[in-house]
Amino acid sequence: MTDELYFKYQPRYYHGEISSYEALLRSHIDNFNVEAFVYSIKCSASFDLNIILKVLQERKSLHICDDVSISLNISIASLLDDNFMSQCLEIFENEKNITLELTNHDQTNDFHGLNSSILRLKNKGVKFALDDYGKGYLNTDDFLYLDVDYIKLDRKLIRNINTNYITYSVLKAKYNHIINVLGKIVIIEGIETFEQFNLVKEFGDMLYQGFYFSKPIDITEIRQIKKREFPQVNNKKQFSLNLDEAIFDLNRTQKPKDIQQAIDNIKKIDKYNIIGLTPNTFDLHSERQRINQNYREIIKNKTRSHFLLASSLVCGSDGAVIIRDKEGNAIFNNEHFVNYIGIDLVDVSVEEACEQITDYRTCLNIDNELLLGDSCFMMSDEVIETKNGSELVHIYRQKVSHFDQYFIICSVYEAADTIIVDELTTCYQKNYLYSTYMNQYKILVFIDLDGFKDINDSFGHYVGDEVLRDFSLTIKNMLRDEDVIIRFGGDEFVILLNSHVIKNVHQRIEQLRQNIKWYFNRKETQLSFSYGVASLQDGVELALKAADEAMYKQKFLRKQKHSVKQ
């Protein structure tokens, strides 16, 4: 009978181009039911092995055989046959670009044995698809959790989607479950009309085939396939599936010990306590009831327009939005943030983020200041590293709590003001003093270096520039993250503070002066500074004038004191 059988090849597409071909068994006998014949075979392993060898032999007839990816059907039971496995392991040591599509789902329940065989062949480069999902096998859903790469939806699921909304919504729900929960790639077969294809292509990434694109062709008509990237398989079990399984375990238990164990398991899965667990260990049945109520609310809210709007507002915001937990881990960043910064920080460790993004540690320090403070809101202007280089941005931080856990929501907006950074010292230039950023500062400190002219005159401008650079970097490290230092000109600098008490500022700056003097003394360089402090209450110009006068007065008194000592 097998001599009467032959193969046709159905092209399979991805993004409008052929990605592979499926080998379809056909018969020369009129009205012969190939599917019924295959199901009647008692020794599926021997038959499937014969089919594999014939398909590979036909592929070898092509001069482009190495570039042609072929899918073919085998019975699930064959994977449990030792002889079949041993021969396949030998065959696929050299034969590549093969996908085995698993059929006859009712023939076994040995999922552990099946998965073991699948993994052994995957190590040889074989890919796997679960065929005929939705056809009506009693235990097909159990096979979804095997380590297959693709789930192939049965053609009956697509038959009426262009005329029946219920059929369409069932197909879409299955697609979303496979993609978003199971992390597998979907193959849709049986697309016969433009309307069907127009509906399914809007679901998202998938592979597809059907008469609308091409009827099965002969082996001689196969053409070389353009190499391209395909959707990636996510083998990591999704959070929603893990949580759903944990809720299932919670509700099927009755003994207090088992209930507590199920709740502990939920704690491990739900690390941000989305479900709202409490330390209630006295009335576990009430705790279980409360967990279920919270879970129902979460599921219900997912389908409400208010929830979808809130999600859309964050995801589609004009600002680059990132949400971090109290340890600094990014738990969300929208697409605008990823495009602006040039990296998706979700699931990236804090250490790695700090390595990849300059001054990211400073962002986390400001987060921490808000977390520890009484305020729930903070606005700051920061220089951050974007994919276009260093940019000055406005960052708005909001502290929010969820079941006693705190998070920081950061919205990053590009600064409209053009602020120039001094190339030598990396301090802001004086135009910063006339920008809108000044609204957040209360006190201005004017600084003039003492001893710098002698260094410049004695060792030249090159050494002088190095001293200026060293001074600016050193004093920046001594200031708080929210403080700003500006190079006013030459060896004059301005520090802006959001402090309210001038007396406290005097103490801080005097300590800074002592630290700077000590730092350069260690380098055998005589450098310090004189300073004047003024309030910004009456504007920048008056503050600059008052601070400048106070600075010169201090410089004069210091020189007089120095002369008396000599």
Protein backbone atom coordinates (compact mmCIF):
# COMPACT_ATOMS: atom_id res chain seq x y z
CA MET A 1 0.00 0.00 0.00
CA THR A 2 2.80 2.46 0.79
CA ASP A 3 3.93 2.23 -2.84
CA GLU A 4 0.70 4.01 -3.79
CA LEU A 5 1.54 6.93 -1.52
CA TYR A 6 3.48 10.06 -2.47
CA PHE A 7 4.13 13.56 -1.13
CA LYS A 8 2.95 17.05 -1.92
CA TYR A 9 4.48 20.06 -0.17
CA GLN A 10 2.39 22.87 1.32
CA PRO A 11 4.26 26.20 1.57
CA ARG A 12 4.17 27.81 5.00
CA TYR A 13 4.57 31.59 5.31
CA TYR A 14 5.93 34.13 7.74
CA HIS A 15 5.50 37.87 7.06
CA GLY A 16 4.48 37.21 3.46
CA GLU A 17 7.42 34.98 2.53
CA ILE A 18 7.80 31.20 2.45
CA SER A 19 9.50 29.97 5.60
CA SER A 20 9.16 26.19 5.20
CA TYR A 21 7.15 23.41 3.56
CA GLU A 22 4.89 20.77 5.09
CA ALA A 23 5.10 17.28 3.58
CA LEU A 24 1.56 16.00 2.93
CA LEU A 25 0.85 12.33 2.22
CA ARG A 26 -1.24 11.66 -0.88
CA SER A 27 -2.41 8.51 -2.73
CA HIS A 28 -2.68 7.60 -6.42
CA ILE A 29 -5.86 5.61 -5.64
CA ASP A 30 -9.08 7.54 -6.27
CA ASN A 31 -11.20 8.38 -3.21
CA PHE A 32 -8.58 6.89 -0.93
CA ASN A 33 -8.77 8.32 2.62
CA VAL A 34 -5.12 8.83 3.57
CA GLU A 35 -5.97 10.07 7.08
CA ALA A 36 -8.09 7.00 7.88
CA PHE A 37 -5.34 4.78 6.51
CA VAL A 38 -2.68 6.41 8.73
CA TYR A 39 -4.92 6.06 11.81
CA SER A 40 -5.42 2.35 11.08
CA ILE A 41 -1.69 1.58 11.15
CA LYS A 42 -0.81 -0.52 14.19
CA CYS A 43 2.95 0.01 14.17
CA SER A 44 3.17 3.78 13.86
CA ALA A 45 6.89 3.90 14.74
CA SER A 46 7.93 1.81 11.74
CA PHE A 47 5.61 3.71 9.40
CA ASP A 48 6.74 7.13 10.65
CA LEU A 49 10.40 6.19 10.32
CA ASN A 50 9.76 5.14 6.73
CA ILE A 51 8.02 8.45 6.01
CA ILE A 52 10.92 10.45 7.48
CA LEU A 53 13.45 8.60 5.32
CA LYS A 54 11.37 9.09 2.15
CA VAL A 55 10.93 12.81 2.74
CA LEU A 56 14.66 13.25 3.40
CA GLN A 57 15.44 11.26 0.26
CA GLU A 58 13.19 13.53 -1.82
CA ARG A 59 14.77 16.61 -0.28
CA LYS A 60 18.22 15.34 -1.28
CA SER A 61 17.10 15.51 -4.92
CA LEU A 62 17.06 19.29 -4.61
CA HIS A 63 20.34 21.10 -5.24
CA ILE A 64 19.24 23.54 -2.51
CA CYS A 65 18.32 20.82 -0.02
CA ASP A 66 20.30 22.33 2.89
CA ASP A 67 18.26 25.55 2.68
CA VAL A 68 14.81 23.90 2.66
CA SER A 69 12.99 23.46 5.97
CA ILE A 70 10.50 20.58 5.95
CA SER A 71 7.72 19.72 8.42
CA LEU A 72 6.16 16.26 8.54
CA ASN A 73 3.68 14.41 10.71
CA ILE A 74 4.52 11.60 13.12
CA SER A 75 2.41 9.85 15.72
CA ILE A 76 3.06 10.84 19.33
CA ALA A 77 3.35 7.12 20.16
CA SER A 78 6.42 6.80 17.92
CA LEU A 79 8.46 8.92 20.30
CA LEU A 80 8.04 6.22 22.95
CA ASP A 81 9.49 3.51 20.68
CA ASP A 82 13.15 2.77 21.45
CA ASN A 83 14.03 1.68 17.91
CA PHE A 84 12.41 4.79 16.42
CA MET A 85 14.32 7.04 18.80
CA SER A 86 17.69 5.40 18.28
CA GLN A 87 17.39 5.63 14.48
CA CYS A 88 16.13 9.23 14.61
CA LEU A 89 19.01 10.27 16.83
CA GLU A 90 21.36 8.84 14.22
CA ILE A 91 19.50 10.37 11.27
CA PHE A 92 19.30 13.86 12.73
CA GLU A 93 22.96 13.90 13.61
CA ASN A 94 23.43 15.15 10.04
CA GLU A 95 19.96 16.04 8.71
CA LYS A 96 18.88 19.54 9.72
CA ASN A 97 15.93 21.91 9.17
CA ILE A 98 13.29 19.35 10.11
CA THR A 99 10.14 19.92 12.19
CA LEU A 100 8.18 16.93 13.47
CA GLU A 101 4.45 17.61 13.90
CA LEU A 102 2.88 15.41 16.57
CA THR A 103 -0.51 13.80 15.82
CA ASN A 104 -2.68 11.02 17.32
CA HIS A 105 -2.78 12.69 20.73
CA ASP A 106 -5.04 10.05 22.26
CA GLN A 107 -2.51 7.27 21.90
CA THR A 108 -0.57 7.93 25.10
CA ASN A 109 -0.56 9.72 28.46
CA ASP A 110 3.14 9.23 29.16
CA PHE A 111 4.00 12.93 29.12
CA HIS A 112 7.30 12.47 30.95
CA GLY A 113 8.52 9.92 28.41
CA LEU A 114 7.34 12.06 25.52
CA ASN A 115 9.06 15.17 26.78
CA SER A 116 12.27 13.26 27.38
CA SER A 117 12.28 12.07 23.75
CA ILE A 118 11.45 15.56 22.47
CA LEU A 119 14.36 17.09 24.38
CA ARG A 120 16.78 14.43 23.12
CA LEU A 121 15.87 15.16 19.50
CA LYS A 122 15.82 18.92 20.05
CA ASN A 123 19.45 18.59 21.12
CA LYS A 124 20.07 17.34 17.56
CA GLY A 125 18.40 20.44 16.09
CA VAL A 126 14.94 19.00 15.45
CA LYS A 127 11.99 21.31 16.07
CA PHE A 128 8.55 20.14 17.21
CA ALA A 129 4.98 21.24 16.60
CA LEU A 130 1.79 20.01 18.26
CA ASP A 131 -0.50 19.37 15.30
CA ASP A 132 -4.33 19.54 15.13
CA TYR A 133 -4.83 21.59 18.30
CA GLY A 134 -8.59 22.17 18.64
CA LYS A 135 -9.56 19.11 16.62
CA GLY A 136 -11.30 17.46 19.57
CA TYR A 137 -8.86 15.00 21.12
CA LEU A 138 -9.74 14.33 24.74
CA ASN A 139 -6.29 15.11 26.17
CA THR A 140 -4.86 17.59 23.64
CA ASP A 141 -4.65 20.40 26.21
CA ASP A 142 -2.29 18.33 28.33
CA PHE A 143 0.15 18.22 25.41
CA LEU A 144 0.36 22.02 25.31
CA TYR A 145 2.89 21.88 28.13
CA LEU A 146 5.36 19.68 26.28
CA ASP A 147 8.59 21.37 25.16
CA VAL A 148 7.35 21.88 21.61
CA ASP A 149 8.23 24.97 19.59
CA TYR A 150 4.95 25.45 17.74
CA ILE A 151 1.24 24.90 18.33
CA LYS A 152 -0.63 24.29 15.07
CA LEU A 153 -4.29 25.26 15.23
CA ASP A 154 -6.67 22.90 13.47
CA ARG A 155 -8.33 24.20 10.32
CA LYS A 156 -11.83 23.85 11.77
CA LEU A 157 -11.04 26.72 14.19
CA ILE A 158 -10.65 29.16 11.28
CA ARG A 159 -13.41 27.88 9.01
CA ASN A 160 -16.12 30.41 9.94
CA ILE A 161 -14.19 33.26 11.60
CA ASN A 162 -15.13 35.77 8.89
CA THR A 163 -18.88 35.17 9.39
CA ASN A 164 -19.19 34.27 13.09
CA TYR A 165 -17.82 36.50 15.87
CA ILE A 166 -17.95 33.69 18.48
CA THR A 167 -15.72 31.51 16.29
CA TYR A 168 -13.37 34.45 15.76
CA SER A 169 -13.16 35.25 19.48
CA VAL A 170 -12.47 31.58 20.36
CA LEU A 171 -9.60 31.51 17.85
CA LYS A 172 -8.21 34.80 19.15
CA ALA A 173 -8.42 33.59 22.78
CA LYS A 174 -6.53 30.41 21.88
CA TYR A 175 -3.90 32.43 20.02
CA ASN A 176 -3.40 34.79 22.99
CA HIS A 177 -3.18 31.88 25.43
CA ILE A 178 -0.53 30.11 23.36
CA ILE A 179 1.53 33.24 22.72
CA ASN A 180 1.23 35.11 26.00
CA VAL A 181 0.79 32.30 28.54
CA LEU A 182 2.56 29.30 27.03
CA GLY A 183 5.19 31.29 25.12
CA LYS A 184 4.90 29.13 21.99
CA ILE A 185 4.70 30.08 18.30
CA VAL A 186 1.32 29.66 16.58
CA ILE A 187 0.85 28.03 13.18
CA ILE A 188 -2.55 28.64 11.56
CA GLU A 189 -3.52 26.36 8.69
CA GLY A 190 -6.53 26.31 6.38
CA ILE A 191 -6.57 30.00 5.39
CA GLU A 192 -8.62 30.04 2.19
CA THR A 193 -9.89 33.62 1.82
CA PHE A 194 -8.60 37.16 2.06
CA GLU A 195 -11.12 37.90 4.83
CA GLN A 196 -9.79 35.05 6.97
CA PHE A 197 -6.19 36.14 6.52
CA ASN A 198 -7.01 39.80 7.17
CA LEU A 199 -8.58 38.84 10.50
CA VAL A 200 -5.86 36.51 11.80
CA LYS A 201 -2.83 38.58 10.74
CA GLU A 202 -3.90 41.30 13.18
CA PHE A 203 -3.47 38.90 16.11
CA GLY A 204 0.31 39.26 15.93
CA ASP A 205 3.29 37.07 14.97
CA MET A 206 2.46 33.65 13.54
CA LEU A 207 3.22 31.19 10.74
CA TYR A 208 0.36 30.50 8.32
CA GLN A 209 -0.58 28.33 5.35
CA GLY A 210 -3.60 27.54 3.20
CA PHE A 211 -5.05 27.54 -0.30
CA TYR A 212 -5.33 31.35 -0.24
CA PHE A 213 -1.54 31.47 -0.57
CA SER A 214 -0.73 28.25 -2.40
CA LYS A 215 -1.99 24.76 -3.01
CA PRO A 216 0.40 21.88 -2.22
CA ILE A 217 3.16 21.63 -4.83
CA ASP A 218 5.51 18.96 -6.17
CA ILE A 219 9.02 18.56 -4.78
CA THR A 220 10.41 19.91 -8.07
CA GLU A 221 8.60 23.23 -7.55
CA ILE A 222 10.27 23.97 -4.20
CA ARG A 223 12.46 27.04 -4.32
CA GLN A 224 15.25 28.31 -2.09
CA ILE A 225 14.02 29.92 1.12
CA LYS A 226 15.29 33.35 2.10
CA LYS A 227 16.97 33.16 5.48
CA ARG A 228 15.29 35.40 8.06
CA GLU A 229 14.66 35.68 11.76
CA PHE A 230 11.55 33.96 13.09
CA PRO A 231 9.60 34.73 16.26
CA GLN A 232 11.50 33.55 19.31
CA VAL A 233 10.12 30.76 21.45
CA ASN A 234 9.77 31.77 25.09
CA ASN A 235 10.32 28.59 27.07
CA LYS A 236 9.98 30.38 30.38
CA LYS A 237 6.59 29.73 31.93
CA GLN A 238 4.63 32.98 32.14
CA PHE A 239 3.77 34.60 35.47
CA SER A 240 0.01 34.51 34.78
CA LEU A 241 0.13 30.76 34.20
CA ASN A 242 2.23 30.17 37.33
CA LEU A 243 -0.16 32.24 39.43
CA ASP A 244 -3.23 30.54 37.96
CA GLU A 245 -1.77 27.11 38.74
CA ALA A 246 -0.93 28.24 42.28
CA ILE A 247 -4.53 29.43 42.82
CA PHE A 248 -5.70 26.05 41.52
CA ASP A 249 -3.49 24.25 44.07
CA LEU A 250 -4.80 26.54 46.83
CA ASN A 251 -8.43 25.74 46.07
CA ARG A 252 -8.08 21.98 45.78
CA THR A 253 -6.60 21.60 49.28
CA GLN A 254 -8.52 21.29 52.56
CA LYS A 255 -6.01 20.55 55.30
CA PRO A 256 -4.56 23.67 57.01
CA LYS A 257 -1.03 22.43 56.44
CA ASP A 258 -1.66 22.08 52.69
CA ILE A 259 -3.41 25.46 52.50
CA GLN A 260 -0.43 27.14 54.19
CA GLN A 261 1.95 25.42 51.79
CA ALA A 262 -0.12 26.61 48.81
CA ILE A 263 -0.11 30.19 50.17
CA ASP A 264 3.67 30.01 50.65
CA ASN A 265 3.97 28.93 47.03
CA ILE A 266 1.93 31.95 45.92
CA LYS A 267 4.32 34.18 47.91
CA LYS A 268 7.27 32.77 45.95
CA ILE A 269 5.55 33.35 42.62
CA ASP A 270 3.96 36.72 43.38
CA LYS A 271 7.08 38.56 44.56
CA TYR A 272 5.37 41.98 44.33
CA ASN A 273 2.31 40.74 46.24
CA ILE A 274 -0.10 41.71 43.48
CA ILE A 275 -2.63 39.33 45.00
CA GLY A 276 -2.43 41.09 48.39
CA LEU A 277 -1.36 38.32 50.78
CA THR A 278 -1.49 39.08 54.50
CA PRO A 279 0.35 37.48 57.46
CA ASN A 280 -2.94 35.84 58.56
CA THR A 281 -2.01 32.32 59.70
CA PHE A 282 -4.83 31.89 62.19
CA ASP A 283 -7.79 31.62 59.83
CA LEU A 284 -6.39 30.07 56.67
CA HIS A 285 -9.80 29.41 55.14
CA SER A 286 -10.68 33.13 55.40
CA GLU A 287 -7.29 34.01 53.92
CA ARG A 288 -7.95 31.66 51.03
CA GLN A 289 -11.35 33.27 50.46
CA ARG A 290 -9.78 36.73 50.47
CA ILE A 291 -7.04 35.65 48.01
CA ASN A 292 -9.69 34.32 45.63
CA GLN A 293 -11.67 37.55 45.91
CA ASN A 294 -8.57 39.62 45.06
CA TYR A 295 -7.75 37.32 42.16
CA ARG A 296 -11.29 37.64 40.76
CA GLU A 297 -10.99 41.43 40.99
CA ILE A 298 -7.70 41.36 39.06
CA ILE A 299 -9.17 39.17 36.32
CA LYS A 300 -12.34 41.28 36.16
CA ASN A 301 -10.41 44.55 35.93
CA LYS A 302 -8.41 43.24 32.98
CA THR A 303 -11.55 43.41 30.84
CA ARG A 304 -12.79 46.82 32.04
CA SER A 305 -12.29 49.92 29.92
CA HIS A 306 -10.91 51.81 32.95
CA PHE A 307 -8.11 49.26 33.39
CA LEU A 308 -7.34 49.22 29.66
CA LEU A 309 -7.29 53.03 29.60
CA ALA A 310 -4.91 53.22 32.58
CA SER A 311 -2.62 50.67 30.95
CA SER A 312 -2.75 52.52 27.64
CA LEU A 313 -1.99 55.86 29.33
CA VAL A 314 1.22 54.50 30.83
CA CYS A 315 2.30 52.49 27.79
CA GLY A 316 1.49 55.24 25.29
CA SER A 317 2.64 58.24 27.33
CA ASP A 318 4.63 60.91 25.53
CA GLY A 319 7.06 60.67 28.42
CA ALA A 320 9.54 57.87 28.90
CA VAL A 321 8.07 56.01 31.89
CA ILE A 322 9.90 53.54 34.12
CA ILE A 323 8.69 51.97 37.37
CA ARG A 324 11.24 50.66 39.87
CA ASP A 325 10.86 48.80 43.16
CA LYS A 326 12.62 49.89 46.34
CA GLU A 327 15.71 47.83 45.41
CA GLY A 328 16.01 49.69 42.10
CA ASN A 329 14.82 46.84 39.86
CA ALA A 330 12.88 48.01 36.81
CA ILE A 331 9.50 46.26 36.85
CA PHE A 332 8.12 48.24 33.89
CA ASN A 333 9.33 50.61 31.20
CA ASN A 334 7.21 51.76 28.30
CA GLU A 335 8.24 51.67 24.66
CA HIS A 336 9.08 55.38 24.66
CA PHE A 337 11.57 54.78 27.47
CA VAL A 338 13.18 51.83 25.68
CA ASN A 339 13.50 53.84 22.46
CA TYR A 340 14.84 56.90 24.28
CA ILE A 341 17.40 55.15 26.50
CA GLY A 342 18.18 52.40 24.01
CA ILE A 343 17.71 49.45 26.39
CA ASP A 344 14.82 47.55 27.96
CA LEU A 345 15.67 47.47 31.68
CA VAL A 346 12.98 45.00 32.80
CA ASP A 347 14.66 41.82 34.09
CA VAL A 348 18.06 43.55 33.87
CA SER A 349 19.89 43.48 37.22
CA VAL A 350 20.64 46.76 39.00
CA GLU A 351 24.38 46.12 38.67
CA GLU A 352 24.12 45.51 34.92
CA ALA A 353 21.92 48.61 34.43
CA CYS A 354 24.50 50.75 36.26
CA GLU A 355 27.24 49.34 34.03
CA GLN A 356 25.33 50.08 30.83
CA ILE A 357 23.89 53.50 31.70
CA THR A 358 26.08 56.34 32.92
CA ASP A 359 24.77 58.02 36.09
CA TYR A 360 22.06 55.36 36.57
CA ARG A 361 23.28 54.95 40.14
CA THR A 362 22.53 58.64 40.68
CA CYS A 363 18.92 58.02 39.53
CA LEU A 364 18.60 55.23 42.09
CA ASN A 365 20.02 57.44 44.84
CA ILE A 366 17.38 60.08 44.13
CA ASP A 367 14.73 57.32 44.14
CA ASN A 368 15.95 56.30 47.56
CA GLU A 369 15.79 59.86 48.85
CA LEU A 370 12.11 59.99 47.88
CA LEU A 371 11.45 56.55 49.37
CA LEU A 372 12.94 57.60 52.72
CA GLY A 373 11.34 61.04 52.81
CA ASP A 374 7.88 62.22 53.82
CA SER A 375 7.01 63.56 50.38
CA CYS A 376 5.37 61.42 47.68
CA PHE A 377 6.54 63.56 44.75
CA MET A 378 9.81 64.97 43.46
CA MET A 379 10.89 66.81 40.33
CA SER A 380 14.54 66.98 39.31
CA ASP A 381 16.66 67.92 36.31
CA GLU A 382 19.29 65.33 35.54
CA VAL A 383 21.78 64.51 32.83
CA ILE A 384 21.18 60.97 31.61
CA GLU A 385 22.82 58.83 28.98
CA THR A 386 20.46 58.23 26.04
CA LYS A 387 21.14 56.44 22.78
CA ASN A 388 21.92 59.90 21.34
CA GLY A 389 24.41 60.78 24.07
CA SER A 390 24.18 62.80 27.29
CA GLU A 391 21.00 64.86 27.57
CA LEU A 392 19.48 67.11 30.20
CA VAL A 393 15.97 65.92 31.12
CA HIS A 394 13.14 66.69 33.51
CA ILE A 395 12.31 63.70 35.73
CA TYR A 396 9.08 63.55 37.74
CA ARG A 397 9.03 60.92 40.48
CA GLN A 398 5.95 59.61 42.27
CA LYS A 399 6.15 57.30 45.29
CA VAL A 400 3.26 54.80 45.37
CA SER A 401 2.46 51.92 47.70
CA HIS A 402 0.75 48.60 47.07
CA PHE A 403 0.05 46.30 50.03
CA ASP A 404 2.86 47.91 52.07
CA GLN A 405 5.36 47.78 49.20
CA TYR A 406 6.73 51.00 47.74
CA PHE A 407 7.52 51.75 44.12
CA ILE A 408 8.83 54.77 42.24
CA ILE A 409 7.16 55.84 38.99
CA CYS A 410 9.54 58.01 36.94
CA SER A 411 8.40 60.04 33.94
CA VAL A 412 11.27 61.39 31.86
CA TYR A 413 10.73 64.35 29.55
CA GLU A 414 13.26 65.96 27.25
CA ALA A 415 14.19 69.43 28.45
CA ALA A 416 12.93 72.19 26.20
CA ASP A 417 15.65 74.60 27.38
CA THR A 418 19.01 74.34 25.65
CA ILE A 419 21.55 74.02 28.44
CA ILE A 420 25.20 73.94 27.48
CA VAL A 421 27.68 71.81 29.40
CA ASP A 422 31.22 73.11 29.78
CA GLU A 423 33.53 70.69 27.96
CA LEU A 424 36.50 71.15 30.30
CA THR A 425 34.78 70.75 33.67
CA THR A 426 31.48 69.04 32.60
CA CYS A 427 29.69 71.65 34.75
CA TYR A 428 26.74 73.57 33.33
CA GLN A 429 27.51 76.91 31.74
CA LYS A 430 26.08 80.18 33.07
CA ASN A 431 22.98 80.16 30.82
CA TYR A 432 21.61 77.58 33.27
CA LEU A 433 21.05 80.49 35.68
CA TYR A 434 18.45 81.99 33.33
CA SER A 435 16.54 78.78 32.56
CA THR A 436 13.26 77.49 33.99
CA TYR A 437 15.26 75.02 36.10
CA MET A 438 16.07 77.79 38.57
CA ASN A 439 12.55 77.58 40.05
CA GLN A 440 13.50 74.60 42.20
CA TYR A 441 16.50 76.22 43.96
CA LYS A 442 16.44 78.44 47.04
CA ILE A 443 20.09 79.42 47.65
CA LEU A 444 23.04 80.38 45.45
CA VAL A 445 26.71 80.07 46.41
CA PHE A 446 29.35 82.02 44.46
CA ILE A 447 32.85 80.48 44.50
CA ASP A 448 36.21 81.88 43.41
CA LEU A 449 39.29 79.65 43.60
CA ASP A 450 42.18 80.70 45.84
CA GLY A 451 45.67 79.87 44.60
CA PHE A 452 44.64 79.04 41.03
CA LYS A 453 46.33 82.09 39.43
CA ASP A 454 49.68 81.08 40.95
CA ILE A 455 49.28 77.54 39.54
CA ASN A 456 48.42 78.89 36.09
CA ASP A 457 51.31 81.38 36.08
CA SER A 458 53.86 78.86 37.40
CA PHE A 459 52.96 75.73 35.41
CA GLY A 460 50.99 76.98 32.41
CA HIS A 461 47.44 76.67 31.15
CA TYR A 462 47.63 72.93 30.47
CA VAL A 463 48.27 72.17 34.15
CA GLY A 464 45.74 74.87 35.08
CA ASP A 465 43.07 73.13 32.98
CA GLU A 466 43.83 69.82 34.68
CA VAL A 467 43.44 71.45 38.11
CA LEU A 468 40.09 72.99 37.08
CA ARG A 469 38.88 69.63 35.83
CA ASP A 470 40.08 67.90 39.00
CA PHE A 471 38.40 70.51 41.21
CA SER A 472 35.03 70.31 39.45
CA LEU A 473 34.88 66.50 39.49
CA THR A 474 35.97 66.37 43.14
CA ILE A 475 33.46 68.93 44.40
CA LYS A 476 30.67 67.25 42.38
CA ASN A 477 31.30 64.05 44.27
CA MET A 478 31.08 65.97 47.55
CA LEU A 479 27.73 67.57 46.65
CA ARG A 480 24.32 65.91 46.83
CA ASP A 481 22.78 64.46 43.66
CA GLU A 482 20.15 67.21 43.53
CA ASP A 483 22.71 70.05 43.90
CA VAL A 484 23.96 71.78 40.74
CA ILE A 485 27.36 73.36 40.02
CA ILE A 486 27.89 75.88 37.22
CA ARG A 487 31.13 77.19 35.74
CA PHE A 488 30.46 80.91 35.78
CA GLY A 489 33.70 81.78 34.01
CA GLY A 490 37.47 81.20 34.41
CA ASP A 491 37.96 79.88 37.95
CA GLU A 492 34.57 81.11 39.21
CA PHE A 493 31.77 78.65 39.98
CA VAL A 494 28.18 78.83 41.23
CA ILE A 495 26.49 76.16 43.36
CA LEU A 496 22.67 75.98 43.48
CA LEU A 497 20.94 74.39 46.47
CA ASN A 498 17.33 73.74 47.39
CA SER A 499 18.06 74.28 51.10
CA HIS A 500 16.04 76.86 53.04
CA VAL A 501 18.38 77.78 55.93
CA ILE A 502 21.38 79.94 54.97
CA LYS A 503 23.16 79.18 58.25
CA ASN A 504 23.16 75.46 57.43
CA VAL A 505 24.43 76.21 53.94
CA HIS A 506 27.36 78.21 55.37
CA GLN A 507 28.30 75.20 57.50
CA ARG A 508 28.10 72.85 54.51
CA ILE A 509 30.16 75.06 52.18
CA GLU A 510 32.79 75.70 54.85
CA GLN A 511 33.14 71.95 55.28
CA LEU A 512 33.41 71.60 51.49
CA ARG A 513 36.16 74.23 51.46
CA GLN A 514 38.12 72.38 54.13
CA ASN A 515 37.72 69.09 52.25
CA ILE A 516 38.89 70.64 48.98
CA LYS A 517 41.91 72.22 50.66
CA TRP A 518 42.81 68.88 52.30
CA TYR A 519 42.34 67.01 48.99
CA PHE A 520 44.75 69.26 47.07
CA ASN A 521 47.23 69.46 49.96
CA ARG A 522 47.64 65.70 49.62
CA LYS A 523 48.63 66.37 46.00
CA GLU A 524 51.06 69.06 47.16
CA THR A 525 48.93 71.74 45.48
CA GLN A 526 47.84 74.89 47.30
CA LEU A 527 44.21 75.31 46.24
CA SER A 528 41.11 76.41 48.13
CA PHE A 529 38.24 78.81 47.49
CA SER A 530 36.40 81.81 48.86
CA TYR A 531 32.63 81.92 48.72
CA GLY A 532 29.52 84.01 49.25
CA VAL A 533 26.01 82.76 49.99
CA ALA A 534 22.75 84.49 48.98
CA SER A 535 19.03 83.71 48.82
CA LEU A 536 17.34 83.43 45.42
CA GLN A 537 14.11 84.87 46.81
CA ASP A 538 14.54 88.17 44.93
CA GLY A 539 15.86 86.68 41.71
CA VAL A 540 19.12 85.47 40.17
CA GLU A 541 20.70 88.87 39.44
CA LEU A 542 20.37 90.19 43.00
CA ALA A 543 21.53 86.85 44.40
CA LEU A 544 24.62 86.86 42.15
CA LYS A 545 25.46 90.41 43.17
CA ALA A 546 25.04 89.71 46.90
CA ALA A 547 26.97 86.41 46.79
CA ASP A 548 29.76 87.98 44.72
CA GLU A 549 30.18 90.81 47.23
CA ALA A 550 30.19 88.38 50.14
CA MET A 551 32.77 86.23 48.37
CA TYR A 552 35.17 89.15 47.77
CA LYS A 553 34.74 90.29 51.35
CA GLN A 554 35.70 86.80 52.56
CA LYS A 555 38.65 86.65 50.15
CA PHE A 556 39.90 90.03 51.36
CA LEU A 557 39.65 89.03 55.04
CA ARG A 558 41.41 85.75 54.35
CA LYS A 559 44.28 87.55 52.57
CA GLN A 560 44.59 90.00 55.45
CA LYS A 561 44.71 87.16 57.95
CA HIS A 562 47.33 85.40 55.85
CA SER A 563 49.47 88.61 55.68
CA VAL A 564 49.35 89.08 59.50
CA LYS A 565 50.60 85.54 59.99
CA GLN A 566 53.53 86.20 57.68
